[in-house]
Amino acid sequence: MSKKPNGKRLNESQRCEIIAKLSKTDATSKRAIAREYDVSEGVIRKVWDKREQILERSALMSDEAKEKTFRSSIGHFTELEDMLYI
């Protein structure tokens, strides 16, 4: 299996599509999905492992934001940030 260093990044919308494809009872293999999106199989496995976080995060985004978001992070001090925001 070849690794693709500095390869293509998936946007949030693509991550949600991958989760939906893998959630089906007759799911396509992770390897086939990796080829379809031109990423490594490890990327697909990581998306599947973090599916709950991805779905929670994307539920709060608009469709336009999902297409533009390639990276997202959660702050280290979310409780403090929430209090500051209020």
PDB file of N, CA and C in Angstrom:
ATOM      1  N   MET A   1       0.853  -1.173   0.000  1.00  0.00           N
ATOM      2  CA  MET A   1       0.000   0.000   0.000  1.00  0.00           C
ATOM      3  C   MET A   1       0.896   1.234   0.000  1.00  0.00           C
ATOM      4  N   SER A   2       0.656   2.136  -0.901  1.00  0.00           N
ATOM      5  CA  SER A   2       1.473   3.335  -0.991  1.00  0.00           C
ATOM      6  C   SER A   2       0.820   4.475  -0.218  1.00  0.00           C
ATOM      7  N   LYS A   3       1.663   5.250   0.427  1.00  0.00           N
ATOM      8  CA  LYS A   3       1.177   6.420   1.158  1.00  0.00           C
ATOM      9  C   LYS A   3       1.239   7.624   0.244  1.00  0.00           C
ATOM     10  N   LYS A   4       0.337   8.564   0.480  1.00  0.00           N
ATOM     11  CA  LYS A   4       0.322   9.780  -0.321  1.00  0.00           C
ATOM     12  C   LYS A   4       0.651  10.954   0.587  1.00  0.00           C
ATOM     13  N   PRO A   5       1.921  11.318   0.713  1.00  0.00           N
ATOM     14  CA  PRO A   5       2.275  12.425   1.593  1.00  0.00           C
ATOM     15  C   PRO A   5       1.726  13.739   1.054  1.00  0.00           C
ATOM     16  N   ASN A   6       1.286  14.576   1.963  1.00  0.00           N
ATOM     17  CA  ASN A   6       0.728  15.885   1.610  1.00  0.00           C
ATOM     18  C   ASN A   6      -0.347  15.764   0.540  1.00  0.00           C
ATOM     19  N   GLY A   7      -1.154  14.754   0.674  1.00  0.00           N
ATOM     20  CA  GLY A   7      -2.181  14.499  -0.325  1.00  0.00           C
ATOM     21  C   GLY A   7      -3.383  15.406  -0.173  1.00  0.00           C
ATOM     22  N   LYS A   8      -4.400  15.028  -0.848  1.00  0.00           N
ATOM     23  CA  LYS A   8      -5.638  15.787  -0.893  1.00  0.00           C
ATOM     24  C   LYS A   8      -6.322  15.780   0.474  1.00  0.00           C
ATOM     25  N   ARG A   9      -6.953  16.867   0.825  1.00  0.00           N
ATOM     26  CA  ARG A   9      -7.721  16.962   2.061  1.00  0.00           C
ATOM     27  C   ARG A   9      -9.200  16.833   1.728  1.00  0.00           C
ATOM     28  N   LEU A  10      -9.915  16.215   2.622  1.00  0.00           N
ATOM     29  CA  LEU A  10     -11.362  16.075   2.473  1.00  0.00           C
ATOM     30  C   LEU A  10     -12.050  17.249   3.153  1.00  0.00           C
ATOM     31  N   ASN A  11     -13.102  17.744   2.522  1.00  0.00           N
ATOM     32  CA  ASN A  11     -13.881  18.772   3.202  1.00  0.00           C
ATOM     33  C   ASN A  11     -14.941  18.091   4.063  1.00  0.00           C
ATOM     34  N   GLU A  12     -15.616  18.857   4.866  1.00  0.00           N
ATOM     35  CA  GLU A  12     -16.579  18.306   5.819  1.00  0.00           C
ATOM     36  C   GLU A  12     -17.717  17.573   5.107  1.00  0.00           C
ATOM     37  N   SER A  13     -18.132  18.073   3.985  1.00  0.00           N
ATOM     38  CA  SER A  13     -19.190  17.445   3.209  1.00  0.00           C
ATOM     39  C   SER A  13     -18.757  16.057   2.724  1.00  0.00           C
ATOM     40  N   GLN A  14     -17.539  15.942   2.250  1.00  0.00           N
ATOM     41  CA  GLN A  14     -17.022  14.657   1.789  1.00  0.00           C
ATOM     42  C   GLN A  14     -16.909  13.668   2.941  1.00  0.00           C
ATOM     43  N   ARG A  15     -16.494  14.154   4.108  1.00  0.00           N
ATOM     44  CA  ARG A  15     -16.415  13.273   5.278  1.00  0.00           C
ATOM     45  C   ARG A  15     -17.786  12.706   5.616  1.00  0.00           C
ATOM     46  N   CYS A  16     -18.811  13.543   5.552  1.00  0.00           N
ATOM     47  CA  CYS A  16     -20.179  13.086   5.838  1.00  0.00           C
ATOM     48  C   CYS A  16     -20.637  12.062   4.798  1.00  0.00           C
ATOM     49  N   GLU A  17     -20.288  12.280   3.544  1.00  0.00           N
ATOM     50  CA  GLU A  17     -20.624  11.314   2.487  1.00  0.00           C
ATOM     51  C   GLU A  17     -19.966   9.969   2.758  1.00  0.00           C
ATOM     52  N   ILE A  18     -18.714   9.988   3.165  1.00  0.00           N
ATOM     53  CA  ILE A  18     -17.976   8.757   3.442  1.00  0.00           C
ATOM     54  C   ILE A  18     -18.625   8.005   4.598  1.00  0.00           C
ATOM     55  N   ILE A  19     -19.002   8.721   5.640  1.00  0.00           N
ATOM     56  CA  ILE A  19     -19.659   8.093   6.784  1.00  0.00           C
ATOM     57  C   ILE A  19     -20.976   7.459   6.352  1.00  0.00           C
ATOM     58  N   ALA A  20     -21.718   8.161   5.516  1.00  0.00           N
ATOM     59  CA  ALA A  20     -22.993   7.615   5.030  1.00  0.00           C
ATOM     60  C   ALA A  20     -22.762   6.342   4.211  1.00  0.00           C
ATOM     61  N   LYS A  21     -21.732   6.337   3.370  1.00  0.00           N
ATOM     62  CA  LYS A  21     -21.443   5.162   2.544  1.00  0.00           C
ATOM     63  C   LYS A  21     -21.031   3.973   3.411  1.00  0.00           C
ATOM     64  N   LEU A  22     -20.246   4.226   4.448  1.00  0.00           N
ATOM     65  CA  LEU A  22     -19.781   3.148   5.303  1.00  0.00           C
ATOM     66  C   LEU A  22     -20.862   2.666   6.274  1.00  0.00           C
ATOM     67  N   SER A  23     -21.877   3.472   6.505  1.00  0.00           N
ATOM     68  CA  SER A  23     -22.949   3.107   7.428  1.00  0.00           C
ATOM     69  C   SER A  23     -23.967   2.162   6.808  1.00  0.00           C
ATOM     70  N   LYS A  24     -23.986   2.089   5.492  1.00  0.00           N
ATOM     71  CA  LYS A  24     -24.945   1.214   4.812  1.00  0.00           C
ATOM     72  C   LYS A  24     -24.658  -0.242   5.133  1.00  0.00           C
ATOM     73  N   THR A  25     -25.696  -1.071   5.079  1.00  0.00           N
ATOM     74  CA  THR A  25     -25.516  -2.499   5.356  1.00  0.00           C
ATOM     75  C   THR A  25     -24.663  -3.176   4.282  1.00  0.00           C
ATOM     76  N   ASP A  26     -24.780  -2.723   3.059  1.00  0.00           N
ATOM     77  CA  ASP A  26     -23.965  -3.269   1.970  1.00  0.00           C
ATOM     78  C   ASP A  26     -22.850  -2.284   1.618  1.00  0.00           C
ATOM     79  N   ALA A  27     -22.115  -1.881   2.639  1.00  0.00           N
ATOM     80  CA  ALA A  27     -21.105  -0.832   2.495  1.00  0.00           C
ATOM     81  C   ALA A  27     -19.992  -1.230   1.536  1.00  0.00           C
ATOM     82  N   THR A  28     -19.518  -0.241   0.803  1.00  0.00           N
ATOM     83  CA  THR A  28     -18.358  -0.399  -0.063  1.00  0.00           C
ATOM     84  C   THR A  28     -17.129  -0.520   0.828  1.00  0.00           C
ATOM     85  N   SER A  29     -16.099  -1.162   0.359  1.00  0.00           N
ATOM     86  CA  SER A  29     -14.888  -1.320   1.173  1.00  0.00           C
ATOM     87  C   SER A  29     -14.200   0.026   1.365  1.00  0.00           C
ATOM     88  N   LYS A  30     -13.469   0.118   2.446  1.00  0.00           N
ATOM     89  CA  LYS A  30     -12.727   1.347   2.741  1.00  0.00           C
ATOM     90  C   LYS A  30     -11.691   1.625   1.656  1.00  0.00           C
ATOM     91  N   ARG A  31     -11.123   0.566   1.136  1.00  0.00           N
ATOM     92  CA  ARG A  31     -10.120   0.719   0.077  1.00  0.00           C
ATOM     93  C   ARG A  31     -10.740   1.320  -1.184  1.00  0.00           C
ATOM     94  N   ALA A  32     -11.937   0.863  -1.552  1.00  0.00           N
ATOM     95  CA  ALA A  32     -12.607   1.385  -2.746  1.00  0.00           C
ATOM     96  C   ALA A  32     -12.999   2.844  -2.548  1.00  0.00           C
ATOM     97  N   ILE A  33     -13.459   3.173  -1.355  1.00  0.00           N
ATOM     98  CA  ILE A  33     -13.824   4.569  -1.076  1.00  0.00           C
ATOM     99  C   ILE A  33     -12.577   5.451  -1.116  1.00  0.00           C
ATOM    100  N   ALA A  34     -11.469   4.954  -0.599  1.00  0.00           N
ATOM    101  CA  ALA A  34     -10.218   5.715  -0.632  1.00  0.00           C
ATOM    102  C   ALA A  34      -9.810   6.016  -2.072  1.00  0.00           C
ATOM    103  N   ARG A  35      -9.952   5.032  -2.950  1.00  0.00           N
ATOM    104  CA  ARG A  35      -9.632   5.259  -4.368  1.00  0.00           C
ATOM    105  C   ARG A  35     -10.576   6.280  -4.982  1.00  0.00           C
ATOM    106  N   GLU A  36     -11.846   6.201  -4.617  1.00  0.00           N
ATOM    107  CA  GLU A  36     -12.845   7.126  -5.166  1.00  0.00           C
ATOM    108  C   GLU A  36     -12.534   8.576  -4.802  1.00  0.00           C
ATOM    109  N   TYR A  37     -12.089   8.812  -3.569  1.00  0.00           N
ATOM    110  CA  TYR A  37     -11.807  10.171  -3.105  1.00  0.00           C
ATOM    111  C   TYR A  37     -10.335  10.548  -3.265  1.00  0.00           C
ATOM    112  N   ASP A  38      -9.529   9.643  -3.798  1.00  0.00           N
ATOM    113  CA  ASP A  38      -8.103   9.872  -4.039  1.00  0.00           C
ATOM    114  C   ASP A  38      -7.352  10.240  -2.759  1.00  0.00           C
ATOM    115  N   VAL A  39      -7.609   9.461  -1.702  1.00  0.00           N
ATOM    116  CA  VAL A  39      -6.902   9.610  -0.432  1.00  0.00           C
ATOM    117  C   VAL A  39      -6.447   8.223   0.012  1.00  0.00           C
ATOM    118  N   SER A  40      -5.659   8.166   1.067  1.00  0.00           N
ATOM    119  CA  SER A  40      -5.196   6.871   1.555  1.00  0.00           C
ATOM    120  C   SER A  40      -6.307   6.179   2.348  1.00  0.00           C
ATOM    121  N   GLU A  41      -6.159   4.886   2.487  1.00  0.00           N
ATOM    122  CA  GLU A  41      -7.132   4.110   3.247  1.00  0.00           C
ATOM    123  C   GLU A  41      -7.116   4.528   4.721  1.00  0.00           C
ATOM    124  N   GLY A  42      -5.970   4.971   5.214  1.00  0.00           N
ATOM    125  CA  GLY A  42      -5.853   5.451   6.595  1.00  0.00           C
ATOM    126  C   GLY A  42      -6.736   6.657   6.859  1.00  0.00           C
ATOM    127  N   VAL A  43      -6.862   7.523   5.875  1.00  0.00           N
ATOM    128  CA  VAL A  43      -7.731   8.697   6.006  1.00  0.00           C
ATOM    129  C   VAL A  43      -9.179   8.246   6.176  1.00  0.00           C
ATOM    130  N   ILE A  44      -9.581   7.268   5.412  1.00  0.00           N
ATOM    131  CA  ILE A  44     -10.954   6.752   5.496  1.00  0.00           C
ATOM    132  C   ILE A  44     -11.183   6.114   6.862  1.00  0.00           C
ATOM    133  N   ARG A  45     -10.213   5.346   7.348  1.00  0.00           N
ATOM    134  CA  ARG A  45     -10.340   4.732   8.671  1.00  0.00           C
ATOM    135  C   ARG A  45     -10.448   5.788   9.760  1.00  0.00           C
ATOM    136  N   LYS A  46      -9.672   6.852   9.635  1.00  0.00           N
ATOM    137  CA  LYS A  46      -9.711   7.921  10.637  1.00  0.00           C
ATOM    138  C   LYS A  46     -11.072   8.622  10.628  1.00  0.00           C
ATOM    139  N   VAL A  47     -11.625   8.851   9.447  1.00  0.00           N
ATOM    140  CA  VAL A  47     -12.960   9.452   9.340  1.00  0.00           C
ATOM    141  C   VAL A  47     -13.988   8.551  10.018  1.00  0.00           C
ATOM    142  N   TRP A  48     -13.881   7.252   9.783  1.00  0.00           N
ATOM    143  CA  TRP A  48     -14.841   6.311  10.378  1.00  0.00           C
ATOM    144  C   TRP A  48     -14.692   6.274  11.901  1.00  0.00           C
ATOM    145  N   ASP A  49     -13.461   6.294  12.390  1.00  0.00           N
ATOM    146  CA  ASP A  49     -13.236   6.263  13.835  1.00  0.00           C
ATOM    147  C   ASP A  49     -13.767   7.517  14.525  1.00  0.00           C
ATOM    148  N   LYS A  50     -13.702   8.651  13.846  1.00  0.00           N
ATOM    149  CA  LYS A  50     -14.136   9.922  14.435  1.00  0.00           C
ATOM    150  C   LYS A  50     -15.511  10.352  13.934  1.00  0.00           C
ATOM    151  N   ARG A  51     -16.318   9.413  13.457  1.00  0.00           N
ATOM    152  CA  ARG A  51     -17.602   9.734  12.833  1.00  0.00           C
ATOM    153  C   ARG A  51     -18.545  10.490  13.760  1.00  0.00           C
ATOM    154  N   GLU A  52     -18.568  10.171  15.049  1.00  0.00           N
ATOM    155  CA  GLU A  52     -19.479  10.861  15.964  1.00  0.00           C
ATOM    156  C   GLU A  52     -19.114  12.337  16.081  1.00  0.00           C
ATOM    157  N   GLN A  53     -17.836  12.622  16.236  1.00  0.00           N
ATOM    158  CA  GLN A  53     -17.379  14.009  16.320  1.00  0.00           C
ATOM    159  C   GLN A  53     -17.674  14.762  15.027  1.00  0.00           C
ATOM    160  N   ILE A  54     -17.428  14.116  13.913  1.00  0.00           N
ATOM    161  CA  ILE A  54     -17.636  14.755  12.608  1.00  0.00           C
ATOM    162  C   ILE A  54     -19.112  15.073  12.405  1.00  0.00           C
ATOM    163  N   LEU A  55     -19.988  14.128  12.730  1.00  0.00           N
ATOM    164  CA  LEU A  55     -21.424  14.354  12.544  1.00  0.00           C
ATOM    165  C   LEU A  55     -21.960  15.434  13.481  1.00  0.00           C
ATOM    166  N   GLU A  56     -21.476  15.454  14.723  1.00  0.00           N
ATOM    167  CA  GLU A  56     -21.888  16.512  15.656  1.00  0.00           C
ATOM    168  C   GLU A  56     -21.450  17.880  15.146  1.00  0.00           C
ATOM    169  N   ARG A  57     -20.199  17.950  14.721  1.00  0.00           N
ATOM    170  CA  ARG A  57     -19.629  19.207  14.247  1.00  0.00           C
ATOM    171  C   ARG A  57     -20.334  19.691  12.988  1.00  0.00           C
ATOM    172  N   SER A  58     -20.612  18.789  12.077  1.00  0.00           N
ATOM    173  CA  SER A  58     -21.206  19.190  10.800  1.00  0.00           C
ATOM    174  C   SER A  58     -22.689  19.515  10.926  1.00  0.00           C
ATOM    175  N   ALA A  59     -23.339  19.013  11.973  1.00  0.00           N
ATOM    176  CA  ALA A  59     -24.755  19.331  12.175  1.00  0.00           C
ATOM    177  C   ALA A  59     -24.958  20.824  12.419  1.00  0.00           C
ATOM    178  N   LEU A  60     -23.941  21.480  12.923  1.00  0.00           N
ATOM    179  CA  LEU A  60     -24.028  22.911  13.216  1.00  0.00           C
ATOM    180  C   LEU A  60     -23.623  23.793  12.040  1.00  0.00           C
ATOM    181  N   MET A  61     -23.163  23.173  10.947  1.00  0.00           N
ATOM    182  CA  MET A  61     -22.667  23.934   9.790  1.00  0.00           C
ATOM    183  C   MET A  61     -23.700  24.015   8.683  1.00  0.00           C
ATOM    184  N   SER A  62     -23.622  25.086   7.924  1.00  0.00           N
ATOM    185  CA  SER A  62     -24.449  25.187   6.724  1.00  0.00           C
ATOM    186  C   SER A  62     -23.802  24.358   5.621  1.00  0.00           C
ATOM    187  N   ASP A  63     -24.550  24.083   4.567  1.00  0.00           N
ATOM    188  CA  ASP A  63     -24.003  23.310   3.449  1.00  0.00           C
ATOM    189  C   ASP A  63     -22.822  24.020   2.808  1.00  0.00           C
ATOM    190  N   GLU A  64     -22.914  25.341   2.737  1.00  0.00           N
ATOM    191  CA  GLU A  64     -21.825  26.122   2.151  1.00  0.00           C
ATOM    192  C   GLU A  64     -20.562  26.007   3.003  1.00  0.00           C
ATOM    193  N   ALA A  65     -20.726  26.054   4.312  1.00  0.00           N
ATOM    194  CA  ALA A  65     -19.572  25.944   5.209  1.00  0.00           C
ATOM    195  C   ALA A  65     -18.955  24.554   5.128  1.00  0.00           C
ATOM    196  N   LYS A  66     -19.784  23.528   4.954  1.00  0.00           N
ATOM    197  CA  LYS A  66     -19.266  22.162   4.848  1.00  0.00           C
ATOM    198  C   LYS A  66     -18.376  22.006   3.622  1.00  0.00           C
ATOM    199  N   GLU A  67     -18.712  22.688   2.553  1.00  0.00           N
ATOM    200  CA  GLU A  67     -17.915  22.600   1.323  1.00  0.00           C
ATOM    201  C   GLU A  67     -16.573  23.310   1.475  1.00  0.00           C
ATOM    202  N   LYS A  68     -16.522  24.330   2.331  1.00  0.00           N
ATOM    203  CA  LYS A  68     -15.313  25.136   2.466  1.00  0.00           C
ATOM    204  C   LYS A  68     -14.420  24.699   3.618  1.00  0.00           C
ATOM    205  N   THR A  69     -14.921  23.878   4.527  1.00  0.00           N
ATOM    206  CA  THR A  69     -14.169  23.500   5.714  1.00  0.00           C
ATOM    207  C   THR A  69     -13.341  22.252   5.457  1.00  0.00           C
ATOM    208  N   PHE A  70     -12.029  22.430   5.491  1.00  0.00           N
ATOM    209  CA  PHE A  70     -11.119  21.310   5.296  1.00  0.00           C
ATOM    210  C   PHE A  70     -10.478  20.895   6.615  1.00  0.00           C
ATOM    211  N   ARG A  71     -10.378  21.817   7.527  1.00  0.00           N
ATOM    212  CA  ARG A  71      -9.817  21.554   8.845  1.00  0.00           C
ATOM    213  C   ARG A  71     -10.721  22.187   9.874  1.00  0.00           C
ATOM    214  N   SER A  72     -10.854  21.534  11.001  1.00  0.00           N
ATOM    215  CA  SER A  72     -11.573  22.168  12.095  1.00  0.00           C
ATOM    216  C   SER A  72     -10.959  21.683  13.389  1.00  0.00           C
ATOM    217  N   SER A  73     -11.059  22.502  14.380  1.00  0.00           N
ATOM    218  CA  SER A  73     -10.480  22.123  15.660  1.00  0.00           C
ATOM    219  C   SER A  73     -11.406  22.555  16.778  1.00  0.00           C
ATOM    220  N   ILE A  74     -11.236  21.905  17.872  1.00  0.00           N
ATOM    221  CA  ILE A  74     -11.986  22.245  19.065  1.00  0.00           C
ATOM    222  C   ILE A  74     -10.999  22.897  20.011  1.00  0.00           C
ATOM    223  N   GLY A  75     -11.394  24.000  20.615  1.00  0.00           N
ATOM    224  CA  GLY A  75     -10.494  24.719  21.508  1.00  0.00           C
ATOM    225  C   GLY A  75     -10.109  23.891  22.714  1.00  0.00           C
ATOM    226  N   HIS A  76      -9.008  24.249  23.318  1.00  0.00           N
ATOM    227  CA  HIS A  76      -8.536  23.531  24.490  1.00  0.00           C
ATOM    228  C   HIS A  76      -9.325  23.909  25.742  1.00  0.00           C
ATOM    229  N   PHE A  77      -9.876  25.109  25.737  1.00  0.00           N
ATOM    230  CA  PHE A  77     -10.603  25.606  26.899  1.00  0.00           C
ATOM    231  C   PHE A  77     -12.019  25.992  26.484  1.00  0.00           C
ATOM    232  N   THR A  78     -12.765  25.020  26.008  1.00  0.00           N
ATOM    233  CA  THR A  78     -14.094  25.309  25.465  1.00  0.00           C
ATOM    234  C   THR A  78     -15.038  25.908  26.495  1.00  0.00           C
ATOM    235  N   GLU A  79     -14.971  25.440  27.720  1.00  0.00           N
ATOM    236  CA  GLU A  79     -15.856  25.979  28.761  1.00  0.00           C
ATOM    237  C   GLU A  79     -15.548  27.455  29.013  1.00  0.00           C
ATOM    238  N   LEU A  80     -14.277  27.802  29.101  1.00  0.00           N
ATOM    239  CA  LEU A  80     -13.866  29.189  29.293  1.00  0.00           C
ATOM    240  C   LEU A  80     -14.262  30.041  28.085  1.00  0.00           C
ATOM    241  N   GLU A  81     -14.053  29.506  26.889  1.00  0.00           N
ATOM    242  CA  GLU A  81     -14.415  30.241  25.672  1.00  0.00           C
ATOM    243  C   GLU A  81     -15.908  30.513  25.606  1.00  0.00           C
ATOM    244  N   ASP A  82     -16.714  29.540  26.012  1.00  0.00           N
ATOM    245  CA  ASP A  82     -18.165  29.735  26.044  1.00  0.00           C
ATOM    246  C   ASP A  82     -18.543  30.827  27.022  1.00  0.00           C
ATOM    247  N   MET A  83     -17.902  30.826  28.190  1.00  0.00           N
ATOM    248  CA  MET A  83     -18.209  31.853  29.191  1.00  0.00           C
ATOM    249  C   MET A  83     -17.809  33.241  28.690  1.00  0.00           C
ATOM    250  N   LEU A  84     -16.670  33.335  28.009  1.00  0.00           N
ATOM    251  CA  LEU A  84     -16.238  34.607  27.456  1.00  0.00           C
ATOM    252  C   LEU A  84     -17.181  35.091  26.364  1.00  0.00           C
ATOM    253  N   TYR A  85     -17.668  34.161  25.570  1.00  0.00           N
ATOM    254  CA  TYR A  85     -18.584  34.504  24.491  1.00  0.00           C
ATOM    255  C   TYR A  85     -19.874  35.098  25.053  1.00  0.00           C
ATOM    256  N   ILE A  86     -20.372  34.509  26.121  1.00  0.00           N
ATOM    257  CA  ILE A  86     -21.620  34.987  26.745  1.00  0.00           C
ATOM    258  C   ILE A  86     -21.369  36.328  27.380  1.00  0.00           C
TER     259      ILE A  86
END
